[in-house]
Amino acid sequence: MAKRPYYIFLCMNERRPGHPKGCCVNNGSDAVRERFAEVMTQEGMRDQLRVVRTSCLDNCSHGPTLVVYPDDVWYQGVQVEDVQEIIDSHIKGGRVVQRLVLPPEHFD
């Protein structure tokens, strides 16, 4: 398979419940990943997009977090209902979903 135009790196880090930093798995990243898979299959996008499970992306308290490459756009608090919008707006339309962007001040 050829290189895909887009890769989404989705945090699948898991910490014990109640950990002060939180974690993306406890905030729903599994369901987000499943929704991406469903939409990609329904829309025949498997050759255009790949969702890659990652460990910690260092923004646990803002999770689930993901990064869209090659655009280097970081999204925070992504939920199942946001997946279609990310695909339609960002992946298909080239427009960043501003309401989900992780602000630069959240990076140390």
Protein backbone atom coordinates (compact mmCIF):
# COMPACT_ATOMS: atom_id res chain seq x y z
CA MET A 1 0.00 0.00 0.00
CA ALA A 2 1.20 3.49 -0.84
CA LYS A 3 1.73 6.23 1.70
CA ARG A 4 -1.57 7.74 2.74
CA PRO A 5 -2.15 11.50 2.51
CA TYR A 6 -3.21 11.69 6.18
CA TYR A 7 -2.32 9.94 9.39
CA ILE A 8 -4.10 10.50 12.67
CA PHE A 9 -2.09 9.68 15.78
CA LEU A 10 -4.62 8.96 18.52
CA CYS A 11 -3.54 8.68 22.13
CA MET A 12 -4.46 5.32 23.63
CA ASN A 13 -2.51 5.79 26.86
CA GLU A 14 -4.13 4.21 29.89
CA ARG A 15 -3.54 5.08 33.52
CA ARG A 16 -5.28 3.80 36.61
CA PRO A 17 -8.68 5.41 37.27
CA GLY A 18 -8.35 8.53 39.40
CA HIS A 19 -4.78 9.31 38.30
CA PRO A 20 -4.28 13.08 38.65
CA LYS A 21 -3.14 13.46 35.02
CA GLY A 22 -6.09 11.50 33.65
CA CYS A 23 -5.75 9.48 30.48
CA CYS A 24 -7.20 9.37 27.02
CA VAL A 25 -8.52 5.80 27.27
CA ASN A 26 -10.56 6.66 30.35
CA ASN A 27 -11.91 9.68 28.47
CA GLY A 28 -13.12 7.63 25.49
CA SER A 29 -10.31 7.26 22.97
CA ASP A 30 -11.27 3.61 22.31
CA ALA A 31 -14.72 4.68 21.15
CA VAL A 32 -13.21 7.50 19.08
CA ARG A 33 -10.90 5.02 17.34
CA GLU A 34 -13.82 2.70 16.62
CA ARG A 35 -15.83 5.58 15.15
CA PHE A 36 -12.95 6.58 12.88
CA ALA A 37 -12.78 2.98 11.64
CA GLU A 38 -16.54 2.93 10.96
CA VAL A 39 -16.56 6.22 9.05
CA MET A 40 -13.45 5.35 7.07
CA THR A 41 -15.02 2.04 6.01
CA GLN A 42 -18.41 3.58 5.18
CA GLU A 43 -16.82 6.29 3.08
CA GLY A 44 -14.16 4.14 1.42
CA MET A 45 -11.29 6.16 2.86
CA ARG A 46 -8.89 3.42 3.96
CA ASP A 47 -6.40 4.43 1.26
CA GLN A 48 -6.55 8.11 2.27
CA LEU A 49 -6.34 7.97 6.05
CA ARG A 50 -4.81 5.80 8.72
CA VAL A 51 -5.52 6.07 12.45
CA VAL A 52 -2.47 5.05 14.46
CA ARG A 53 -2.68 4.17 18.15
CA THR A 54 -0.03 5.93 20.20
CA SER A 55 1.04 6.00 23.80
CA CYS A 56 0.96 9.28 25.73
CA LEU A 57 0.96 12.52 23.73
CA ASP A 58 1.65 14.51 26.92
CA ASN A 59 -1.71 16.27 27.07
CA CYS A 60 -3.62 13.78 29.19
CA SER A 61 -5.82 16.27 30.97
CA HIS A 62 -7.13 17.48 27.60
CA GLY A 63 -7.84 14.05 26.15
CA PRO A 64 -8.65 12.28 24.13
CA THR A 65 -5.99 13.98 22.07
CA LEU A 66 -4.96 13.30 18.51
CA VAL A 67 -2.62 14.76 15.92
CA VAL A 68 -3.36 15.03 12.20
CA TYR A 69 -0.25 14.63 10.06
CA PRO A 70 1.22 15.93 7.90
CA ASP A 71 -0.66 19.07 9.01
CA ASP A 72 0.63 18.95 12.62
CA VAL A 73 -2.78 19.93 13.95
CA TRP A 74 -3.51 18.81 17.52
CA TYR A 75 -7.07 18.24 18.66
CA GLN A 76 -8.24 17.93 22.26
CA GLY A 77 -11.28 16.49 23.97
CA VAL A 78 -12.27 14.59 20.85
CA GLN A 79 -15.48 12.60 21.27
CA VAL A 80 -17.28 10.11 19.05
CA GLU A 81 -19.61 12.82 17.75
CA ASP A 82 -16.59 14.89 16.56
CA VAL A 83 -15.15 12.23 14.27
CA GLN A 84 -17.40 12.90 11.26
CA GLU A 85 -16.68 16.63 11.50
CA ILE A 86 -12.92 16.03 11.62
CA ILE A 87 -13.13 13.82 8.55
CA ASP A 88 -15.49 16.09 6.60
CA SER A 89 -13.92 19.42 7.52
CA HIS A 90 -10.22 18.65 7.98
CA ILE A 91 -9.46 15.51 5.98
CA LYS A 92 -11.83 16.08 3.07
CA GLY A 93 -12.12 19.87 3.15
CA GLY A 94 -8.73 21.02 4.41
CA ARG A 95 -10.38 23.16 7.12
CA VAL A 96 -9.18 22.76 10.71
CA VAL A 97 -11.93 22.20 13.29
CA GLN A 98 -11.02 25.24 15.37
CA ARG A 99 -13.24 24.44 18.35
CA LEU A 100 -11.19 21.27 19.00
CA VAL A 101 -7.69 22.66 18.48
CA LEU A 102 -5.33 22.16 21.41
CA PRO A 103 -3.98 25.66 22.15
CA PRO A 104 -0.21 26.23 22.07
CA GLU A 105 -0.15 27.20 25.76
CA HIS A 106 -0.97 23.59 26.66
CA PHE A 107 2.46 22.49 25.46
CA ASP A 108 5.35 22.80 27.89
